[in-house]
C-alpha atoms as a PDB file:
ATOM      1  CA  MET A   1      10.688-156.041 -19.840  1.00  0.00           C
ATOM      2  CA  ILE A   2       7.946-156.973 -17.665  1.00  0.00           C
ATOM      3  CA  LYS A   3       8.037-159.380 -15.324  1.00  0.00           C
ATOM      4  CA  HIS A   4       4.507-161.785 -15.231  1.00  0.00           C
ATOM      5  CA  ARG A   5       2.058-160.152 -12.495  1.00  0.00           C
ATOM      6  CA  ASN A   6       1.398-164.258 -11.316  1.00  0.00           C
ATOM      7  CA  SER A   7       5.557-165.230 -11.224  1.00  0.00           C
ATOM      8  CA  GLN A   8       8.647-164.462  -9.473  1.00  0.00           C
ATOM      9  CA  LYS A   9      10.626-165.516 -12.034  1.00  0.00           C
ATOM     10  CA  ARG A  10       8.615-165.155 -16.023  1.00  0.00           C
ATOM     11  CA  VAL A  11       9.835-161.789 -17.258  1.00  0.00           C
ATOM     12  CA  TYR A  12       8.978-160.654 -21.489  1.00  0.00           C
ATOM     13  CA  PHE A  13      11.269-158.513 -23.211  1.00  0.00           C
ATOM     14  CA  GLU A  14      10.431-156.387 -25.715  1.00  0.00           C
ATOM     15  CA  ASP A  15      10.307-157.697 -29.162  1.00  0.00           C
ATOM     16  CA  ALA A  16      11.651-161.177 -28.400  1.00  0.00           C
ATOM     17  CA  VAL A  17      12.425-164.261 -30.014  1.00  0.00           C
ATOM     18  CA  TYR A  18      11.470-167.688 -26.955  1.00  0.00           C
ATOM     19  CA  PHE A  19      12.462-171.540 -27.214  1.00  0.00           C
ATOM     20  CA  VAL A  20      10.309-172.673 -25.243  1.00  0.00           C
ATOM     21  CA  THR A  21       9.984-176.529 -24.168  1.00  0.00           C
ATOM     22  CA  SER A  22       6.773-177.996 -22.890  1.00  0.00           C
ATOM     23  CA  TYR A  23       6.349-181.674 -21.387  1.00  0.00           C
ATOM     24  CA  THR A  24       2.181-183.362 -20.971  1.00  0.00           C
ATOM     25  CA  LEU A  25       2.276-184.688 -17.014  1.00  0.00           C
ATOM     26  CA  ASN A  26       4.102-186.753 -15.712  1.00  0.00           C
ATOM     27  CA  ARG A  27       5.726-187.022 -19.676  1.00  0.00           C
ATOM     28  CA  HIS A  28       2.853-189.765 -20.653  1.00  0.00           C
ATOM     29  CA  PRO A  29       3.744-190.118 -23.959  1.00  0.00           C
ATOM     30  CA  TYR A  30       0.104-189.626 -25.785  1.00  0.00           C
ATOM     31  CA  PHE A  31       1.807-188.036 -28.924  1.00  0.00           C
ATOM     32  CA  LYS A  32       2.659-191.850 -29.957  1.00  0.00           C
ATOM     33  CA  GLU A  33      -1.110-191.747 -31.136  1.00  0.00           C
ATOM     34  CA  SER A  34      -1.037-189.915 -35.000  1.00  0.00           C
ATOM     35  CA  ILE A  35      -4.196-188.435 -34.295  1.00  0.00           C
ATOM     36  CA  PHE A  36      -3.454-186.034 -31.127  1.00  0.00           C
ATOM     37  CA  CYS A  37      -0.348-184.827 -32.945  1.00  0.00           C
ATOM     38  CA  ASP A  38      -2.895-184.153 -35.840  1.00  0.00           C
ATOM     39  CA  VAL A  39      -5.535-182.236 -32.836  1.00  0.00           C
ATOM     40  CA  PHE A  40      -1.965-180.315 -31.782  1.00  0.00           C
ATOM     41  CA  MET A  41      -0.990-179.327 -35.176  1.00  0.00           C
ATOM     42  CA  GLU A  42      -4.015-177.921 -35.999  1.00  0.00           C
ATOM     43  CA  ASN A  43      -4.312-176.122 -32.476  1.00  0.00           C
ATOM     44  CA  LEU A  44      -1.330-174.233 -33.431  1.00  0.00           C
ATOM     45  CA  GLY A  45      -2.070-173.271 -36.174  1.00  0.00           C
ATOM     46  CA  VAL A  46      -5.324-172.006 -35.009  1.00  0.00           C
ATOM     47  CA  CYS A  47      -3.339-169.907 -31.900  1.00  0.00           C
ATOM     48  CA  LYS A  48      -0.921-168.462 -34.823  1.00  0.00           C
ATOM     49  CA  LYS A  49      -3.677-166.418 -36.496  1.00  0.00           C
ATOM     50  CA  LEU A  50      -5.553-165.533 -33.116  1.00  0.00           C
ATOM     51  CA  LYS A  51      -2.164-164.761 -30.932  1.00  0.00           C
ATOM     52  CA  SER A  52      -0.514-163.318 -34.345  1.00  0.00           C
ATOM     53  CA  PHE A  53       3.077-164.257 -33.179  1.00  0.00           C
ATOM     54  CA  ASN A  54       6.163-165.350 -35.621  1.00  0.00           C
ATOM     55  CA  LEU A  55       7.142-169.000 -35.868  1.00  0.00           C
ATOM     56  CA  TYR A  56      10.680-169.807 -37.386  1.00  0.00           C
ATOM     57  CA  GLY A  57      10.284-173.366 -35.815  1.00  0.00           C
ATOM     58  CA  TRP A  58       8.387-175.643 -33.558  1.00  0.00           C
ATOM     59  CA  VAL A  59       9.140-180.173 -33.105  1.00  0.00           C
ATOM     60  CA  LEU A  60       6.272-182.160 -30.963  1.00  0.00           C
ATOM     61  CA  LEU A  61       7.116-185.430 -29.832  1.00  0.00           C
ATOM     62  CA  HIS A  62       5.758-187.982 -27.980  1.00  0.00           C
ATOM     63  CA  ASN A  63       5.427-185.755 -24.767  1.00  0.00           C
ATOM     64  CA  HIS A  64       6.205-182.759 -25.154  1.00  0.00           C
ATOM     65  CA  PHE A  65       7.441-179.978 -27.209  1.00  0.00           C
ATOM     66  CA  HIS A  66       9.461-177.403 -28.453  1.00  0.00           C
ATOM     67  CA  LEU A  67       8.507-174.084 -30.040  1.00  0.00           C
ATOM     68  CA  LEU A  68      10.876-170.895 -32.035  1.00  0.00           C
ATOM     69  CA  ILE A  69       8.409-167.266 -31.573  1.00  0.00           C
ATOM     70  CA  LYS A  70       8.585-164.255 -31.585  1.00  0.00           C
ATOM     71  CA  PRO A  71       4.996-162.716 -29.789  1.00  0.00           C
ATOM     72  CA  SER A  72       3.303-160.065 -31.154  1.00  0.00           C
ATOM     73  CA  ASP A  73       2.756-156.727 -28.828  1.00  0.00           C
ATOM     74  CA  GLU A  74      -0.939-157.798 -27.509  1.00  0.00           C
ATOM     75  CA  PHE A  75       0.086-161.991 -26.335  1.00  0.00           C
ATOM     76  CA  ASN A  76       2.938-162.064 -24.521  1.00  0.00           C
ATOM     77  CA  ILE A  77       4.915-165.878 -24.291  1.00  0.00           C
ATOM     78  CA  SER A  78       2.082-167.027 -21.453  1.00  0.00           C
ATOM     79  CA  LYS A  79      -0.807-166.102 -22.454  1.00  0.00           C
ATOM     80  CA  ILE A  80      -0.126-168.376 -26.286  1.00  0.00           C
ATOM     81  CA  ILE A  81       1.049-171.137 -24.764  1.00  0.00           C
ATOM     82  CA  GLN A  82      -1.500-171.189 -22.196  1.00  0.00           C
ATOM     83  CA  PHE A  83      -3.949-171.066 -24.773  1.00  0.00           C
ATOM     84  CA  LEU A  84      -2.079-173.797 -27.422  1.00  0.00           C
ATOM     85  CA  LYS A  85      -2.074-176.108 -23.903  1.00  0.00           C
ATOM     86  CA  ARG A  86      -5.952-175.818 -23.136  1.00  0.00           C
ATOM     87  CA  HIS A  87      -7.361-176.048 -26.101  1.00  0.00           C
ATOM     88  CA  VAL A  88      -5.167-178.767 -27.470  1.00  0.00           C
ATOM     89  CA  SER A  89      -6.022-180.399 -24.140  1.00  0.00           C
ATOM     90  CA  ARG A  90     -10.079-179.417 -24.882  1.00  0.00           C
ATOM     91  CA  ASP A  91      -9.799-181.180 -27.458  1.00  0.00           C
ATOM     92  CA  ILE A  92      -7.922-184.575 -27.393  1.00  0.00           C
ATOM     93  CA  ASN A  93      -9.983-185.273 -24.358  1.00  0.00           C
ATOM     94  CA  ASP A  94     -13.317-184.352 -26.034  1.00  0.00           C
ATOM     95  CA  ILE A  95     -11.618-187.213 -28.140  1.00  0.00           C
ATOM     96  CA  LEU A  96     -11.005-189.446 -25.367  1.00  0.00           C
ATOM     97  CA  LEU A  97     -13.884-188.950 -23.531  1.00  0.00           C
ATOM     98  CA  PRO A  98     -16.498-188.046 -25.937  1.00  0.00           C
ATOM     99  CA  SER A  99     -19.490-186.441 -23.964  1.00  0.00           C
ATOM    100  CA  GLU A 100     -22.908-187.083 -24.930  1.00  0.00           C
ATOM    101  CA  SER A 101     -23.305-183.802 -26.637  1.00  0.00           C
ATOM    102  CA  GLY A 102     -20.128-184.642 -28.987  1.00  0.00           C
ATOM    103  CA  ILE A 103     -17.252-181.798 -29.142  1.00  0.00           C
ATOM    104  CA  SER A 104     -17.419-179.469 -26.670  1.00  0.00           C
ATOM    105  CA  GLU A 105     -18.668-175.446 -27.601  1.00  0.00           C
ATOM    106  CA  SER A 106     -15.256-173.613 -28.632  1.00  0.00           C
ATOM    107  CA  ARG A 107     -13.531-170.972 -26.085  1.00  0.00           C
ATOM    108  CA  PHE A 108     -11.797-169.231 -29.324  1.00  0.00           C
ATOM    109  CA  GLN A 109     -11.204-165.082 -28.034  1.00  0.00           C
ATOM    110  CA  GLY A 110      -9.547-163.480 -30.604  1.00  0.00           C
ATOM    111  CA  GLY A 111     -11.845-161.353 -31.534  1.00  0.00           C
ATOM    112  CA  ASN A 112     -16.249-160.978 -32.798  1.00  0.00           C
ATOM    113  CA  ASN A 113     -15.907-160.987 -36.801  1.00  0.00           C
ATOM    114  CA  GLU A 114     -16.670-163.380 -39.786  1.00  0.00           C
ATOM    115  CA  LYS A 115     -13.481-164.423 -40.294  1.00  0.00           C
ATOM    116  CA  CYS A 116     -12.943-165.595 -36.791  1.00  0.00           C
ATOM    117  CA  ASP A 117     -15.918-167.029 -36.368  1.00  0.00           C
ATOM    118  CA  GLN A 118     -15.500-168.543 -39.222  1.00  0.00           C
ATOM    119  CA  LEU A 119     -11.997-170.133 -38.400  1.00  0.00           C
ATOM    120  CA  ILE A 120     -13.689-171.339 -35.300  1.00  0.00           C
ATOM    121  CA  ASN A 121     -15.523-173.076 -37.449  1.00  0.00           C
ATOM    122  CA  ASP A 122     -14.236-174.581 -39.394  1.00  0.00           C
ATOM    123  CA  HIS A 123     -11.964-175.761 -36.345  1.00  0.00           C
ATOM    124  CA  ARG A 124     -14.640-177.943 -34.818  1.00  0.00           C
ATOM    125  CA  LYS A 125     -15.169-179.280 -37.895  1.00  0.00           C
ATOM    126  CA  LYS A 126     -11.643-180.778 -38.183  1.00  0.00           C
ATOM    127  CA  ILE A 127     -12.051-181.718 -34.908  1.00  0.00           C
ATOM    128  CA  GLU A 128     -15.216-183.121 -35.242  1.00  0.00           C
ATOM    129  CA  LEU A 129     -13.275-185.229 -37.689  1.00  0.00           C
ATOM    130  CA  PHE A 130     -10.674-186.396 -36.011  1.00  0.00           C
ATOM    131  CA  GLN A 131     -12.253-187.590 -33.269  1.00  0.00           C
ATOM    132  CA  LEU A 132     -14.180-190.322 -35.969  1.00  0.00           C
ATOM    133  CA  ARG A 133     -11.014-191.001 -36.794  1.00  0.00           C
ATOM    134  CA  TYR A 134     -10.225-191.896 -33.460  1.00  0.00           C
ATOM    135  CA  LEU A 135     -13.525-194.180 -32.872  1.00  0.00           C
ATOM    136  CA  GLN A 136     -13.647-195.809 -36.077  1.00  0.00           C
ATOM    137  CA  LYS A 137      -9.577-197.175 -35.553  1.00  0.00           C
ATOM    138  CA  TYR A 138      -9.741-198.629 -31.752  1.00  0.00           C
ATOM    139  CA  GLN A 139     -14.210-199.279 -32.942  1.00  0.00           C
ATOM    140  CA  ASN A 140     -13.470-202.867 -31.630  1.00  0.00           C
ATOM    141  CA  GLN A 141     -11.593-202.618 -28.342  1.00  0.00           C
ATOM    142  CA  LYS A 142     -12.763-198.970 -27.870  1.00  0.00           C
ATOM    143  CA  TYR A 143     -13.658-199.283 -24.077  1.00  0.00           C
ATOM    144  CA  GLN A 144      -9.939-200.990 -23.647  1.00  0.00           C
ATOM    145  CA  ASN A 145      -8.132-198.294 -25.013  1.00  0.00           C
ATOM    146  CA  GLN A 146      -9.307-196.038 -23.399  1.00  0.00           C
ATOM    147  CA  LEU A 147      -8.460-197.095 -20.226  1.00  0.00           C
ATOM    148  CA  LYS A 148      -4.674-197.483 -21.336  1.00  0.00           C
ATOM    149  CA  ILE A 149      -5.282-194.141 -22.124  1.00  0.00           C
ATOM    150  CA  PRO A 150      -4.944-191.155 -18.876  1.00  0.00           C
ATOM    151  CA  LYS A 151      -6.983-187.578 -19.194  1.00  0.00           C
ATOM    152  CA  PHE A 152      -5.364-185.799 -21.706  1.00  0.00           C
ATOM    153  CA  CYS A 153      -3.355-183.055 -19.301  1.00  0.00           C
ATOM    154  CA  TRP A 154      -0.083-180.822 -19.254  1.00  0.00           C
ATOM    155  CA  HIS A 155       2.693-180.618 -17.015  1.00  0.00           C
ATOM    156  CA  GLU A 156       2.091-177.494 -14.881  1.00  0.00           C
ATOM    157  CA  SER A 157       3.837-174.136 -16.729  1.00  0.00           C
ATOM    158  CA  PHE A 158       6.531-174.362 -19.419  1.00  0.00           C
ATOM    159  CA  HIS A 159       9.893-173.700 -19.630  1.00  0.00           C
ATOM    160  CA  ASP A 160      11.442-170.237 -22.230  1.00  0.00           C
ATOM    161  CA  HIS A 161      14.130-169.123 -23.067  1.00  0.00           C
ATOM    162  CA  PHE A 162      15.403-165.396 -24.012  1.00  0.00           C
ATOM    163  CA  ILE A 163      17.336-165.346 -27.458  1.00  0.00           C
ATOM    164  CA  ARG A 164      20.353-163.690 -26.355  1.00  0.00           C
ATOM    165  CA  ASN A 165      21.638-163.045 -30.194  1.00  0.00           C
ATOM    166  CA  ASP A 166      22.048-164.831 -33.844  1.00  0.00           C
ATOM    167  CA  LEU A 167      24.477-166.921 -32.582  1.00  0.00           C
ATOM    168  CA  ASP A 168      21.682-168.100 -29.580  1.00  0.00           C
ATOM    169  CA  PHE A 169      18.949-168.574 -32.745  1.00  0.00           C
ATOM    170  CA  ASP A 170      20.867-170.629 -35.028  1.00  0.00           C
ATOM    171  CA  GLU A 171      21.750-173.044 -32.510  1.00  0.00           C
ATOM    172  CA  HIS A 172      17.927-173.680 -31.230  1.00  0.00           C
ATOM    173  CA  TRP A 173      16.711-173.185 -34.492  1.00  0.00           C
ATOM    174  CA  GLU A 174      19.415-176.201 -35.415  1.00  0.00           C
ATOM    175  CA  TYR A 175      18.817-177.919 -31.634  1.00  0.00           C
ATOM    176  CA  ILE A 176      15.057-178.556 -32.833  1.00  0.00           C
ATOM    177  CA  ALA A 177      15.417-179.480 -36.553  1.00  0.00           C
ATOM    178  CA  TRP A 178      17.635-182.733 -34.924  1.00  0.00           C
ATOM    179  CA  ASN A 179      15.378-183.113 -32.162  1.00  0.00           C
ATOM    180  CA  PRO A 180      13.957-186.317 -33.817  1.00  0.00           C
ATOM    181  CA  VAL A 181      16.970-187.809 -34.594  1.00  0.00           C
ATOM    182  CA  LYS A 182      18.160-186.451 -30.806  1.00  0.00           C
ATOM    183  CA  HIS A 183      15.407-188.957 -29.660  1.00  0.00           C
ATOM    184  CA  LYS A 184      15.928-191.290 -31.953  1.00  0.00           C
ATOM    185  CA  MET A 185      12.108-190.914 -33.837  1.00  0.00           C
ATOM    186  CA  LEU A 186      11.891-193.483 -36.539  1.00  0.00           C
ATOM    187  CA  ASP A 187      13.066-191.590 -40.446  1.00  0.00           C
ATOM    188  CA  GLY A 188      11.246-189.510 -41.654  1.00  0.00           C
ATOM    189  CA  TRP A 189       8.950-188.735 -37.779  1.00  0.00           C
ATOM    190  CA  PRO A 190       5.927-185.562 -39.370  1.00  0.00           C
ATOM    191  CA  TYR A 191       5.943-183.257 -36.880  1.00  0.00           C
ATOM    192  CA  VAL A 192       8.801-181.163 -37.102  1.00  0.00           C
ATOM    193  CA  PHE A 193       9.121-178.074 -39.069  1.00  0.00           C
ATOM    194  CA  THR A 194      10.906-178.627 -41.463  1.00  0.00           C
ATOM    195  CA  ASN A 195       8.516-180.748 -42.553  1.00  0.00           C
ATOM    196  CA  PRO A 196       7.353-178.858 -46.103  1.00  0.00           C
ATOM    197  CA  GLU A 197       3.242-180.146 -45.279  1.00  0.00           C
ATOM    198  CA  TYR A 198       3.371-177.198 -42.714  1.00  0.00           C
ATOM    199  CA  GLU A 199       6.077-174.816 -44.843  1.00  0.00           C
ATOM    200  CA  ASP A 200       2.477-171.963 -44.056  1.00  0.00           C
ATOM    201  CA  LEU A 201       3.724-172.041 -40.492  1.00  0.00           C
ATOM    202  CA  ILE A 202       6.623-170.517 -40.933  1.00  0.00           C
ATOM    203  CA  ASP A 203       8.037-167.463 -41.086  1.00  0.00           C
ATOM    204  CA  GLU A 204      11.042-166.585 -42.358  1.00  0.00           C
ATOM    205  CA  CYS A 205      13.842-165.535 -40.342  1.00  0.00           C
ATOM    206  CA  ILE A 206      15.144-161.730 -40.277  1.00  0.00           C
END
């Protein structure tokens, strides 16, 4: 068991599963925009590959997300969530407020090898496509739309719950699966782990 050096409260357990929740700043509903949801999903996939955690369940709603994850020995829960939130923020703001140079340089850190370089290059290309999609969608009201959407930002830190036993796991797994219904999302809300489109992200529960 390790206590985070920058926190009096965050405690890490070895070989643990966590239920994690994080909100956007002021709970602004950025993720009503499907392009930003796709940006989140792209980053979740990259984060999983670079930080090597097991993912058992997830859902993304208009202003928050839940994850059910098991960190590896190398990267604790704080490093994983900080990585995910930082890169989602950067990529969404590159789309909302594009600079003259376009998409900012990637700051991924996961090893200097050909596989990692290819992952980073593929990610940059996808974000560039998301940016193009966004500009095309709002080309007739580009500046008006940007005035309505504030610069993307997450609420500071995140909430985590240590999963204590199988019953605790099952309850949080079901909570995530039914979260779109709880929040009265449209039928078929796609950004949840039960969507077969994202089955490659999910690890088998042991």
